[in-house]
Amino acid sequence: MTCHSQSNPLTRKWVRLCHALILGLMLGLAHPGLAQKNSPSEYEIKAAMIYRFAQFLEWPTDLFESNQSPLHICIAGPEPFGNSIDLVLKDQSVGTHKLLILRHPQVATATNCHLIFISRGQASETEKLLALLKGRPVLTIGEEDDFAKKGGHIRLYLQENKLRFDINLAAMERSGLKMHSQVMKLATRITLDGKDVKQ
């Protein structure tokens, strides 16, 4: 895995964050900054992780209108990031596709997205959106305990001050999405709609 910024001189902090995050995940360690002042917050780290997921996902070749089309990252529901996701992902790209952050306070309006992050406390709306997106090549990431069981692709959460994630492999396969094997190895759990494959 690599961490780099193509053109933005202000992202050195986030490059360091990215390296620390990936190293921590590789070694199974807690990110030390979560409990320290002037260190990355939970949502700064989650923003960096969202970028890693987007980078290491095999997107369908016909998903974008052109090589220059942006990759839409949508925040659905209440805003948990503040401006941290904008700073972390500023001037970043996935391949030739620049990242465009879109916010949808109402979960149901999260359309025209390639990746959707659904914040906590949206259980009923989340279920409706996941049912609507079932089988479509839209990567869904959420925080609810049963997010993957409901058909979401990735549950991203903190446990004992460690950033962890679960992957619903069945939902990924239905959507025609494939995550890089190295990311799959880092998952805490891999399930098939609730049935554990890895734990």
N, C-alpha and C. Protein backbone atom coordinates (compact mmCIF):
# COMPACT_ATOMS: atom_id res chain seq x y z
N MET A 1 0.83 -1.18 0.00
CA MET A 1 0.00 0.00 0.00
C MET A 1 0.88 1.24 0.00
N THR A 2 0.43 2.28 -0.70
CA THR A 2 1.21 3.51 -0.75
C THR A 2 0.37 4.67 -0.28
N CYS A 3 1.02 5.68 0.25
CA CYS A 3 0.36 6.91 0.69
C CYS A 3 1.07 8.07 0.03
N HIS A 4 0.36 8.81 -0.81
CA HIS A 4 1.00 9.95 -1.43
C HIS A 4 -0.04 10.98 -1.82
N SER A 5 0.40 12.20 -2.03
CA SER A 5 -0.44 13.28 -2.53
C SER A 5 0.14 13.76 -3.84
N GLN A 6 -0.68 13.89 -4.85
CA GLN A 6 -0.15 14.22 -6.16
C GLN A 6 0.26 15.69 -6.28
N SER A 7 -0.51 16.61 -5.70
CA SER A 7 -0.21 18.01 -5.97
C SER A 7 -0.43 18.95 -4.80
N ASN A 8 -0.88 18.48 -3.67
CA ASN A 8 -1.25 19.37 -2.59
C ASN A 8 -0.19 19.40 -1.50
N PRO A 9 0.53 20.52 -1.33
CA PRO A 9 1.59 20.58 -0.33
C PRO A 9 1.08 20.61 1.09
N LEU A 10 -0.23 20.80 1.28
CA LEU A 10 -0.79 20.90 2.63
C LEU A 10 -1.16 19.55 3.20
N THR A 11 -0.94 18.48 2.45
CA THR A 11 -1.42 17.18 2.92
C THR A 11 -0.34 16.34 3.59
N ARG A 12 0.80 16.94 3.95
CA ARG A 12 1.85 16.15 4.60
C ARG A 12 1.35 15.49 5.88
N LYS A 13 0.53 16.24 6.63
CA LYS A 13 -0.03 15.68 7.87
C LYS A 13 -0.85 14.44 7.57
N TRP A 14 -1.63 14.50 6.49
CA TRP A 14 -2.52 13.39 6.18
C TRP A 14 -1.75 12.22 5.59
N VAL A 15 -0.63 12.50 4.90
CA VAL A 15 0.21 11.41 4.42
C VAL A 15 0.80 10.66 5.61
N ARG A 16 1.26 11.43 6.62
CA ARG A 16 1.79 10.79 7.84
C ARG A 16 0.69 10.00 8.53
N LEU A 17 -0.50 10.57 8.58
CA LEU A 17 -1.65 9.89 9.17
C LEU A 17 -1.92 8.58 8.45
N CYS A 18 -1.89 8.63 7.13
CA CYS A 18 -2.16 7.44 6.33
C CYS A 18 -1.15 6.34 6.62
N HIS A 19 0.14 6.71 6.65
CA HIS A 19 1.18 5.73 6.95
C HIS A 19 0.98 5.12 8.34
N ALA A 20 0.69 5.99 9.32
CA ALA A 20 0.50 5.50 10.69
C ALA A 20 -0.72 4.59 10.78
N LEU A 21 -1.77 4.97 10.06
CA LEU A 21 -3.00 4.19 10.07
C LEU A 21 -2.76 2.80 9.50
N ILE A 22 -2.15 2.74 8.33
CA ILE A 22 -1.93 1.46 7.67
C ILE A 22 -0.97 0.59 8.48
N LEU A 23 0.07 1.20 9.02
CA LEU A 23 1.01 0.45 9.86
C LEU A 23 0.28 -0.11 11.07
N GLY A 24 -0.56 0.72 11.69
CA GLY A 24 -1.31 0.27 12.86
C GLY A 24 -2.24 -0.88 12.53
N LEU A 25 -2.89 -0.79 11.36
CA LEU A 25 -3.78 -1.87 10.94
C LEU A 25 -2.99 -3.15 10.66
N MET A 26 -1.85 -3.00 10.00
CA MET A 26 -1.02 -4.17 9.68
C MET A 26 -0.57 -4.88 10.94
N LEU A 27 -0.21 -4.10 11.96
CA LEU A 27 0.32 -4.68 13.19
C LEU A 27 -0.77 -4.98 14.21
N GLY A 28 -2.00 -4.59 13.90
CA GLY A 28 -3.09 -4.82 14.84
C GLY A 28 -3.02 -3.93 16.05
N LEU A 29 -2.44 -2.74 15.88
CA LEU A 29 -2.27 -1.84 17.03
C LEU A 29 -3.32 -0.75 17.02
N ALA A 30 -3.57 -0.20 18.21
CA ALA A 30 -4.43 0.98 18.31
C ALA A 30 -3.69 2.16 17.72
N HIS A 31 -4.43 3.06 17.09
CA HIS A 31 -3.78 4.28 16.62
C HIS A 31 -3.54 5.17 17.83
N PRO A 32 -2.29 5.52 18.14
CA PRO A 32 -1.99 6.24 19.38
C PRO A 32 -2.59 7.62 19.45
N GLY A 33 -2.94 8.19 18.31
CA GLY A 33 -3.44 9.55 18.32
C GLY A 33 -4.85 9.71 18.82
N LEU A 34 -5.59 8.62 18.93
CA LEU A 34 -7.00 8.75 19.29
C LEU A 34 -7.20 9.32 20.68
N ALA A 35 -6.24 9.14 21.56
CA ALA A 35 -6.43 9.61 22.93
C ALA A 35 -5.47 10.75 23.27
N GLN A 36 -4.83 11.33 22.26
CA GLN A 36 -3.85 12.36 22.53
C GLN A 36 -4.26 13.68 21.90
N LYS A 37 -3.93 14.76 22.57
CA LYS A 37 -4.23 16.09 22.06
C LYS A 37 -3.41 16.36 20.82
N ASN A 38 -3.98 17.14 19.91
CA ASN A 38 -3.30 17.52 18.67
C ASN A 38 -2.97 16.33 17.77
N SER A 39 -3.66 15.24 17.95
CA SER A 39 -3.48 14.06 17.11
C SER A 39 -4.76 13.84 16.31
N PRO A 40 -4.69 13.01 15.28
CA PRO A 40 -5.88 12.79 14.44
C PRO A 40 -7.08 12.30 15.25
N SER A 41 -8.24 12.82 14.91
CA SER A 41 -9.47 12.41 15.58
C SER A 41 -9.99 11.12 14.97
N GLU A 42 -11.01 10.56 15.61
CA GLU A 42 -11.63 9.34 15.09
C GLU A 42 -12.07 9.53 13.65
N TYR A 43 -12.70 10.67 13.34
CA TYR A 43 -13.25 10.86 12.00
C TYR A 43 -12.21 11.28 10.98
N GLU A 44 -11.10 11.83 11.42
CA GLU A 44 -9.97 12.03 10.50
C GLU A 44 -9.43 10.68 10.06
N ILE A 45 -9.32 9.77 10.99
CA ILE A 45 -8.82 8.43 10.66
C ILE A 45 -9.84 7.69 9.79
N LYS A 46 -11.13 7.83 10.10
CA LYS A 46 -12.15 7.17 9.29
C LYS A 46 -12.16 7.75 7.87
N ALA A 47 -11.94 9.04 7.74
CA ALA A 47 -11.88 9.65 6.41
C ALA A 47 -10.71 9.07 5.61
N ALA A 48 -9.55 8.92 6.28
CA ALA A 48 -8.40 8.32 5.61
C ALA A 48 -8.69 6.88 5.20
N MET A 49 -9.42 6.17 6.05
CA MET A 49 -9.74 4.77 5.75
C MET A 49 -10.71 4.66 4.58
N ILE A 50 -11.67 5.58 4.51
CA ILE A 50 -12.59 5.60 3.38
C ILE A 50 -11.81 5.74 2.08
N TYR A 51 -10.81 6.60 2.10
CA TYR A 51 -9.96 6.78 0.91
C TYR A 51 -9.23 5.49 0.55
N ARG A 52 -8.73 4.79 1.56
CA ARG A 52 -8.03 3.53 1.30
C ARG A 52 -8.98 2.49 0.68
N PHE A 53 -10.21 2.43 1.20
CA PHE A 53 -11.17 1.50 0.63
C PHE A 53 -11.42 1.83 -0.85
N ALA A 54 -11.60 3.12 -1.15
CA ALA A 54 -11.86 3.54 -2.53
C ALA A 54 -10.68 3.20 -3.43
N GLN A 55 -9.46 3.39 -2.91
CA GLN A 55 -8.26 3.11 -3.69
C GLN A 55 -8.07 1.63 -3.99
N PHE A 56 -8.40 0.79 -3.03
CA PHE A 56 -8.11 -0.63 -3.17
C PHE A 56 -9.33 -1.45 -3.55
N LEU A 57 -10.34 -0.77 -4.07
CA LEU A 57 -11.52 -1.46 -4.60
C LEU A 57 -11.38 -1.58 -6.11
N GLU A 58 -11.76 -2.72 -6.64
CA GLU A 58 -11.77 -2.92 -8.09
C GLU A 58 -13.12 -2.43 -8.61
N TRP A 59 -13.14 -1.21 -9.15
CA TRP A 59 -14.38 -0.61 -9.64
C TRP A 59 -14.71 -1.17 -11.03
N PRO A 60 -15.98 -1.38 -11.34
CA PRO A 60 -16.36 -1.83 -12.69
C PRO A 60 -15.85 -0.86 -13.75
N THR A 61 -15.36 -1.38 -14.86
CA THR A 61 -14.74 -0.53 -15.88
C THR A 61 -15.73 0.42 -16.54
N ASP A 62 -17.01 0.06 -16.56
CA ASP A 62 -18.01 0.91 -17.22
C ASP A 62 -18.76 1.81 -16.24
N LEU A 63 -18.23 1.97 -15.03
CA LEU A 63 -18.93 2.74 -14.00
C LEU A 63 -18.88 4.24 -14.28
N PHE A 64 -17.80 4.71 -14.87
CA PHE A 64 -17.61 6.15 -15.09
C PHE A 64 -17.82 6.50 -16.57
N GLU A 65 -18.35 7.69 -16.78
CA GLU A 65 -18.59 8.15 -18.15
C GLU A 65 -17.29 8.32 -18.91
N SER A 66 -16.24 8.79 -18.22
CA SER A 66 -14.95 8.98 -18.86
C SER A 66 -13.85 8.82 -17.81
N ASN A 67 -12.60 8.82 -18.25
CA ASN A 67 -11.47 8.70 -17.33
C ASN A 67 -11.33 9.92 -16.44
N GLN A 68 -11.96 11.02 -16.83
CA GLN A 68 -11.87 12.25 -16.04
C GLN A 68 -13.08 12.45 -15.12
N SER A 69 -14.05 11.58 -15.19
CA SER A 69 -15.24 11.72 -14.32
C SER A 69 -14.85 11.59 -12.86
N PRO A 70 -15.41 12.45 -11.98
CA PRO A 70 -15.06 12.35 -10.55
C PRO A 70 -15.68 11.13 -9.89
N LEU A 71 -15.07 10.70 -8.82
CA LEU A 71 -15.61 9.63 -7.98
C LEU A 71 -16.36 10.31 -6.84
N HIS A 72 -17.65 10.08 -6.78
CA HIS A 72 -18.51 10.74 -5.80
C HIS A 72 -18.52 9.99 -4.47
N ILE A 73 -18.04 10.64 -3.43
CA ILE A 73 -18.11 10.10 -2.07
C ILE A 73 -19.20 10.86 -1.34
N CYS A 74 -20.25 10.16 -0.94
CA CYS A 74 -21.41 10.80 -0.31
C CYS A 74 -21.45 10.53 1.19
N ILE A 75 -21.78 11.56 1.94
CA ILE A 75 -22.02 11.44 3.38
C ILE A 75 -23.52 11.52 3.57
N ALA A 76 -24.13 10.44 4.02
CA ALA A 76 -25.59 10.38 4.15
C ALA A 76 -25.99 10.45 5.62
N GLY A 77 -26.94 11.33 5.92
CA GLY A 77 -27.39 11.50 7.30
C GLY A 77 -26.64 12.63 7.99
N PRO A 78 -26.75 12.71 9.32
CA PRO A 78 -26.07 13.76 10.08
C PRO A 78 -24.56 13.76 9.81
N GLU A 79 -23.98 14.94 9.75
CA GLU A 79 -22.56 15.11 9.40
C GLU A 79 -21.64 14.83 10.58
N PRO A 80 -20.88 13.72 10.56
CA PRO A 80 -19.99 13.43 11.68
C PRO A 80 -18.55 13.94 11.47
N PHE A 81 -18.21 14.31 10.22
CA PHE A 81 -16.83 14.63 9.89
C PHE A 81 -16.43 16.09 10.11
N GLY A 82 -17.41 17.01 10.07
CA GLY A 82 -17.04 18.42 10.03
C GLY A 82 -16.29 18.65 8.72
N ASN A 83 -15.19 19.39 8.79
CA ASN A 83 -14.41 19.60 7.56
C ASN A 83 -13.23 18.65 7.45
N SER A 84 -13.13 17.68 8.37
CA SER A 84 -11.96 16.80 8.37
C SER A 84 -11.86 15.96 7.11
N ILE A 85 -12.99 15.48 6.59
CA ILE A 85 -12.93 14.65 5.39
C ILE A 85 -12.51 15.47 4.18
N ASP A 86 -12.91 16.75 4.17
CA ASP A 86 -12.51 17.63 3.08
C ASP A 86 -11.00 17.85 3.10
N LEU A 87 -10.44 18.01 4.29
CA LEU A 87 -9.00 18.23 4.43
C LEU A 87 -8.21 16.97 4.10
N VAL A 88 -8.67 15.84 4.62
CA VAL A 88 -7.96 14.58 4.39
C VAL A 88 -7.96 14.19 2.91
N LEU A 89 -9.08 14.42 2.24
CA LEU A 89 -9.22 13.96 0.86
C LEU A 89 -8.96 15.06 -0.17
N LYS A 90 -8.55 16.24 0.28
CA LYS A 90 -8.31 17.36 -0.62
C LYS A 90 -7.29 16.99 -1.70
N ASP A 91 -7.68 17.21 -2.95
CA ASP A 91 -6.82 16.98 -4.12
C ASP A 91 -6.41 15.51 -4.30
N GLN A 92 -7.10 14.59 -3.64
CA GLN A 92 -6.79 13.17 -3.81
C GLN A 92 -7.60 12.60 -4.99
N SER A 93 -7.08 11.53 -5.54
CA SER A 93 -7.72 10.85 -6.67
C SER A 93 -7.66 9.35 -6.47
N VAL A 94 -8.53 8.67 -7.17
CA VAL A 94 -8.45 7.21 -7.30
C VAL A 94 -8.22 6.95 -8.78
N GLY A 95 -7.01 6.56 -9.11
CA GLY A 95 -6.65 6.47 -10.51
C GLY A 95 -6.70 7.85 -11.14
N THR A 96 -7.47 7.97 -12.21
CA THR A 96 -7.62 9.27 -12.88
C THR A 96 -8.85 10.03 -12.40
N HIS A 97 -9.54 9.49 -11.41
CA HIS A 97 -10.81 10.08 -10.94
C HIS A 97 -10.60 10.89 -9.67
N LYS A 98 -10.77 12.21 -9.76
CA LYS A 98 -10.68 13.06 -8.58
C LYS A 98 -11.86 12.79 -7.66
N LEU A 99 -11.65 12.97 -6.37
CA LEU A 99 -12.71 12.72 -5.39
C LEU A 99 -13.57 13.95 -5.22
N LEU A 100 -14.87 13.75 -5.21
CA LEU A 100 -15.84 14.82 -4.99
C LEU A 100 -16.69 14.43 -3.79
N ILE A 101 -16.66 15.26 -2.73
CA ILE A 101 -17.42 14.98 -1.51
C ILE A 101 -18.80 15.62 -1.63
N LEU A 102 -19.84 14.82 -1.45
CA LEU A 102 -21.22 15.30 -1.50
C LEU A 102 -21.90 14.97 -0.18
N ARG A 103 -22.72 15.90 0.31
CA ARG A 103 -23.41 15.69 1.58
C ARG A 103 -24.91 15.61 1.37
N HIS A 104 -25.52 14.60 1.99
CA HIS A 104 -26.95 14.38 1.89
C HIS A 104 -27.52 14.23 3.30
N PRO A 105 -27.98 15.33 3.92
CA PRO A 105 -28.54 15.23 5.28
C PRO A 105 -29.67 14.22 5.37
N GLN A 106 -30.44 14.08 4.28
CA GLN A 106 -31.49 13.07 4.24
C GLN A 106 -30.93 11.84 3.50
N VAL A 107 -30.89 10.72 4.20
CA VAL A 107 -30.28 9.51 3.65
C VAL A 107 -30.88 9.14 2.30
N ALA A 108 -32.19 9.29 2.16
CA ALA A 108 -32.88 8.87 0.95
C ALA A 108 -32.45 9.63 -0.30
N THR A 109 -31.84 10.80 -0.13
CA THR A 109 -31.44 11.61 -1.29
C THR A 109 -30.03 11.27 -1.77
N ALA A 110 -29.38 10.29 -1.14
CA ALA A 110 -28.00 9.94 -1.51
C ALA A 110 -28.00 9.13 -2.80
N THR A 111 -28.14 9.85 -3.91
CA THR A 111 -28.12 9.21 -5.23
C THR A 111 -26.91 9.72 -6.00
N ASN A 112 -26.65 9.12 -7.12
CA ASN A 112 -25.50 9.51 -7.95
C ASN A 112 -24.19 9.43 -7.15
N CYS A 113 -24.06 8.36 -6.34
CA CYS A 113 -22.87 8.17 -5.51
C CYS A 113 -22.14 6.91 -5.95
N HIS A 114 -20.82 6.93 -5.80
CA HIS A 114 -20.03 5.73 -6.02
C HIS A 114 -19.68 5.06 -4.69
N LEU A 115 -19.58 5.87 -3.66
CA LEU A 115 -19.31 5.39 -2.30
C LEU A 115 -20.17 6.20 -1.35
N ILE A 116 -20.85 5.53 -0.43
CA ILE A 116 -21.72 6.21 0.52
C ILE A 116 -21.31 5.84 1.94
N PHE A 117 -21.06 6.86 2.77
CA PHE A 117 -20.84 6.65 4.21
C PHE A 117 -22.12 7.06 4.91
N ILE A 118 -22.69 6.13 5.70
CA ILE A 118 -23.94 6.40 6.42
C ILE A 118 -23.63 6.48 7.91
N SER A 119 -23.93 7.63 8.50
CA SER A 119 -23.58 7.86 9.90
C SER A 119 -24.53 7.12 10.83
N ARG A 120 -24.20 7.15 12.12
CA ARG A 120 -24.98 6.45 13.14
C ARG A 120 -26.39 7.03 13.27
N GLY A 121 -27.28 6.23 13.85
CA GLY A 121 -28.61 6.71 14.21
C GLY A 121 -29.57 6.81 13.04
N GLN A 122 -29.31 6.09 11.97
CA GLN A 122 -30.17 6.16 10.79
C GLN A 122 -30.71 4.78 10.42
N ALA A 123 -31.02 3.98 11.43
CA ALA A 123 -31.34 2.56 11.22
C ALA A 123 -32.41 2.32 10.16
N SER A 124 -33.58 2.96 10.29
CA SER A 124 -34.67 2.69 9.36
C SER A 124 -34.36 3.21 7.96
N GLU A 125 -33.78 4.41 7.89
CA GLU A 125 -33.43 4.99 6.60
C GLU A 125 -32.30 4.20 5.93
N THR A 126 -31.38 3.73 6.76
CA THR A 126 -30.27 2.93 6.23
C THR A 126 -30.79 1.67 5.56
N GLU A 127 -31.72 1.00 6.22
CA GLU A 127 -32.28 -0.25 5.67
C GLU A 127 -32.94 -0.01 4.33
N LYS A 128 -33.68 1.11 4.21
CA LYS A 128 -34.35 1.43 2.95
C LYS A 128 -33.33 1.70 1.85
N LEU A 129 -32.29 2.47 2.18
CA LEU A 129 -31.28 2.80 1.18
C LEU A 129 -30.52 1.56 0.73
N LEU A 130 -30.16 0.70 1.69
CA LEU A 130 -29.43 -0.52 1.33
C LEU A 130 -30.28 -1.43 0.43
N ALA A 131 -31.57 -1.49 0.69
CA ALA A 131 -32.47 -2.28 -0.15
C ALA A 131 -32.52 -1.70 -1.57
N LEU A 132 -32.54 -0.37 -1.65
CA LEU A 132 -32.58 0.31 -2.95
C LEU A 132 -31.30 0.08 -3.74
N LEU A 133 -30.17 0.04 -3.03
CA LEU A 133 -28.87 -0.10 -3.68
C LEU A 133 -28.43 -1.54 -3.89
N LYS A 134 -29.19 -2.49 -3.40
CA LYS A 134 -28.81 -3.89 -3.46
C LYS A 134 -28.45 -4.30 -4.89
N GLY A 135 -27.25 -4.83 -5.06
CA GLY A 135 -26.82 -5.30 -6.36
C GLY A 135 -26.21 -4.23 -7.25
N ARG A 136 -26.25 -2.97 -6.81
CA ARG A 136 -25.66 -1.89 -7.61
C ARG A 136 -24.20 -1.67 -7.20
N PRO A 137 -23.33 -1.24 -8.12
CA PRO A 137 -21.91 -1.05 -7.80
C PRO A 137 -21.64 0.24 -7.04
N VAL A 138 -22.25 0.35 -5.87
CA VAL A 138 -22.06 1.51 -4.99
C VAL A 138 -21.54 0.98 -3.67
N LEU A 139 -20.33 1.36 -3.28
CA LEU A 139 -19.74 0.87 -2.03
C LEU A 139 -20.41 1.56 -0.85
N THR A 140 -20.96 0.77 0.07
CA THR A 140 -21.63 1.33 1.23
C THR A 140 -20.82 1.05 2.50
N ILE A 141 -20.61 2.10 3.28
CA ILE A 141 -19.84 2.02 4.52
C ILE A 141 -20.69 2.63 5.63
N GLY A 142 -20.82 1.94 6.75
CA GLY A 142 -21.64 2.45 7.84
C GLY A 142 -21.07 2.12 9.19
N GLU A 143 -21.74 2.64 10.24
CA GLU A 143 -21.25 2.49 11.60
C GLU A 143 -22.16 1.66 12.50
N GLU A 144 -23.40 1.45 12.09
CA GLU A 144 -24.35 0.72 12.92
C GLU A 144 -23.87 -0.71 13.18
N ASP A 145 -24.19 -1.25 14.35
CA ASP A 145 -23.74 -2.59 14.73
C ASP A 145 -24.12 -3.66 13.70
N ASP A 146 -25.33 -3.55 13.14
CA ASP A 146 -25.81 -4.57 12.23
C ASP A 146 -25.75 -4.12 10.77
N PHE A 147 -24.89 -3.16 10.47
CA PHE A 147 -24.83 -2.59 9.12
C PHE A 147 -24.54 -3.65 8.07
N ALA A 148 -23.52 -4.47 8.30
CA ALA A 148 -23.17 -5.50 7.33
C ALA A 148 -24.26 -6.57 7.24
N LYS A 149 -24.86 -6.89 8.36
CA LYS A 149 -25.91 -7.90 8.37
C LYS A 149 -27.12 -7.46 7.56
N LYS A 150 -27.36 -6.14 7.51
CA LYS A 150 -28.49 -5.59 6.75
C LYS A 150 -28.20 -5.53 5.25
N GLY A 151 -26.98 -5.83 4.87
CA GLY A 151 -26.65 -5.79 3.45
C GLY A 151 -25.64 -4.73 3.08
N GLY A 152 -25.13 -3.97 4.08
CA GLY A 152 -24.06 -3.01 3.81
C GLY A 152 -22.76 -3.72 3.52
N HIS A 153 -21.86 -3.06 2.83
CA HIS A 153 -20.60 -3.69 2.44
C HIS A 153 -19.57 -3.70 3.56
N ILE A 154 -19.38 -2.54 4.21
CA ILE A 154 -18.32 -2.42 5.21
C ILE A 154 -18.85 -1.70 6.44
N ARG A 155 -18.66 -2.32 7.59
CA ARG A 155 -18.94 -1.65 8.87
C ARG A 155 -17.61 -1.15 9.42
N LEU A 156 -17.53 0.15 9.70
CA LEU A 156 -16.30 0.79 10.18
C LEU A 156 -16.56 1.29 11.59
N TYR A 157 -15.72 0.88 12.57
CA TYR A 157 -16.03 1.18 13.95
C TYR A 157 -14.78 1.15 14.82
N LEU A 158 -14.92 1.74 16.02
CA LEU A 158 -13.87 1.69 17.02
C LEU A 158 -14.21 0.64 18.05
N GLN A 159 -13.21 -0.13 18.45
CA GLN A 159 -13.38 -1.12 19.52
C GLN A 159 -12.10 -1.15 20.32
N GLU A 160 -12.21 -0.87 21.61
CA GLU A 160 -11.04 -0.81 22.49
C GLU A 160 -9.98 0.13 21.92
N ASN A 161 -10.46 1.28 21.43
CA ASN A 161 -9.59 2.32 20.90
C ASN A 161 -8.83 1.89 19.65
N LYS A 162 -9.35 0.87 18.96
CA LYS A 162 -8.75 0.42 17.71
C LYS A 162 -9.76 0.59 16.58
N LEU A 163 -9.31 1.05 15.44
CA LEU A 163 -10.17 1.14 14.29
C LEU A 163 -10.29 -0.24 13.66
N ARG A 164 -11.51 -0.70 13.50
CA ARG A 164 -11.76 -2.02 12.94
C ARG A 164 -12.80 -1.92 11.84
N PHE A 165 -12.87 -2.97 11.00
CA PHE A 165 -13.92 -3.00 10.00
C PHE A 165 -14.31 -4.43 9.69
N ASP A 166 -15.59 -4.60 9.39
CA ASP A 166 -16.15 -5.88 8.97
C ASP A 166 -16.56 -5.74 7.50
N ILE A 167 -16.45 -6.82 6.75
CA ILE A 167 -16.83 -6.81 5.34
C ILE A 167 -17.89 -7.89 5.09
N ASN A 168 -18.96 -7.49 4.43
CA ASN A 168 -19.99 -8.44 4.00
C ASN A 168 -19.64 -8.87 2.58
N LEU A 169 -18.99 -10.02 2.47
CA LEU A 169 -18.50 -10.50 1.18
C LEU A 169 -19.64 -10.79 0.21
N ALA A 170 -20.74 -11.31 0.72
CA ALA A 170 -21.88 -11.63 -0.14
C ALA A 170 -22.44 -10.36 -0.79
N ALA A 171 -22.55 -9.28 0.00
CA ALA A 171 -23.06 -8.01 -0.54
C ALA A 171 -22.10 -7.44 -1.57
N MET A 172 -20.80 -7.56 -1.33
CA MET A 172 -19.81 -7.08 -2.28
C MET A 172 -19.95 -7.82 -3.61
N GLU A 173 -20.09 -9.13 -3.53
CA GLU A 173 -20.18 -9.93 -4.75
C GLU A 173 -21.46 -9.62 -5.52
N ARG A 174 -22.57 -9.40 -4.81
CA ARG A 174 -23.82 -9.04 -5.48
C ARG A 174 -23.69 -7.73 -6.24
N SER A 175 -22.87 -6.82 -5.72
CA SER A 175 -22.72 -5.50 -6.31
C SER A 175 -21.67 -5.46 -7.41
N GLY A 176 -20.99 -6.57 -7.64
CA GLY A 176 -19.95 -6.58 -8.65
C GLY A 176 -18.69 -5.86 -8.23
N LEU A 177 -18.51 -5.71 -6.91
CA LEU A 177 -17.34 -5.02 -6.37
C LEU A 177 -16.36 -6.04 -5.79
N LYS A 178 -15.08 -5.75 -5.92
CA LYS A 178 -14.06 -6.65 -5.39
C LYS A 178 -12.99 -5.86 -4.67
N MET A 179 -12.78 -6.16 -3.40
CA MET A 179 -11.78 -5.47 -2.60
C MET A 179 -10.45 -6.21 -2.72
N HIS A 180 -9.37 -5.43 -2.68
CA HIS A 180 -8.02 -5.99 -2.76
C HIS A 180 -7.81 -6.99 -1.62
N SER A 181 -7.11 -8.07 -1.93
CA SER A 181 -6.93 -9.15 -0.95
C SER A 181 -6.23 -8.68 0.32
N GLN A 182 -5.31 -7.71 0.20
CA GLN A 182 -4.60 -7.22 1.38
C GLN A 182 -5.55 -6.52 2.35
N VAL A 183 -6.55 -5.82 1.80
CA VAL A 183 -7.55 -5.17 2.66
C VAL A 183 -8.43 -6.23 3.30
N MET A 184 -8.79 -7.25 2.54
CA MET A 184 -9.62 -8.32 3.08
C MET A 184 -8.93 -8.98 4.27
N LYS A 185 -7.61 -9.13 4.18
CA LYS A 185 -6.86 -9.76 5.27
C LYS A 185 -6.89 -8.92 6.54
N LEU A 186 -7.05 -7.61 6.40
CA LEU A 186 -7.06 -6.72 7.56
C LEU A 186 -8.42 -6.63 8.24
N ALA A 187 -9.47 -7.15 7.59
CA ALA A 187 -10.81 -7.07 8.16
C ALA A 187 -10.89 -7.86 9.47
N THR A 188 -11.61 -7.33 10.43
CA THR A 188 -11.83 -8.04 11.69
C THR A 188 -12.75 -9.23 11.47
N ARG A 189 -13.80 -9.00 10.68
CA ARG A 189 -14.73 -10.08 10.36
C ARG A 189 -15.08 -10.02 8.88
N ILE A 190 -15.23 -11.17 8.27
CA ILE A 190 -15.79 -11.27 6.92
C ILE A 190 -17.02 -12.16 7.03
N THR A 191 -18.14 -11.65 6.55
CA THR A 191 -19.39 -12.38 6.70
C THR A 191 -20.07 -12.56 5.35
N LEU A 192 -21.01 -13.48 5.33
CA LEU A 192 -21.92 -13.66 4.20
C LEU A 192 -23.30 -13.34 4.72
N ASP A 193 -23.69 -12.07 4.65
CA ASP A 193 -24.98 -11.61 5.16
C ASP A 193 -25.24 -12.06 6.60
N GLY A 194 -24.23 -11.93 7.45
CA GLY A 194 -24.40 -12.25 8.85
C GLY A 194 -23.73 -13.53 9.30
N LYS A 195 -23.46 -14.44 8.36
CA LYS A 195 -22.78 -15.69 8.69
C LYS A 195 -21.28 -15.49 8.57
N ASP A 196 -20.56 -15.78 9.65
CA ASP A 196 -19.12 -15.52 9.67
C ASP A 196 -18.35 -16.45 8.74
N VAL A 197 -17.45 -15.84 7.96
CA VAL A 197 -16.48 -16.58 7.18
C VAL A 197 -15.13 -16.45 7.87
N LYS A 198 -14.86 -15.25 8.43
CA LYS A 198 -13.65 -15.00 9.19
C LYS A 198 -14.03 -14.21 10.42
N GLN A 199 -13.47 -14.57 11.57
CA GLN A 199 -13.72 -13.83 12.81
C GLN A 199 -12.47 -13.89 13.66
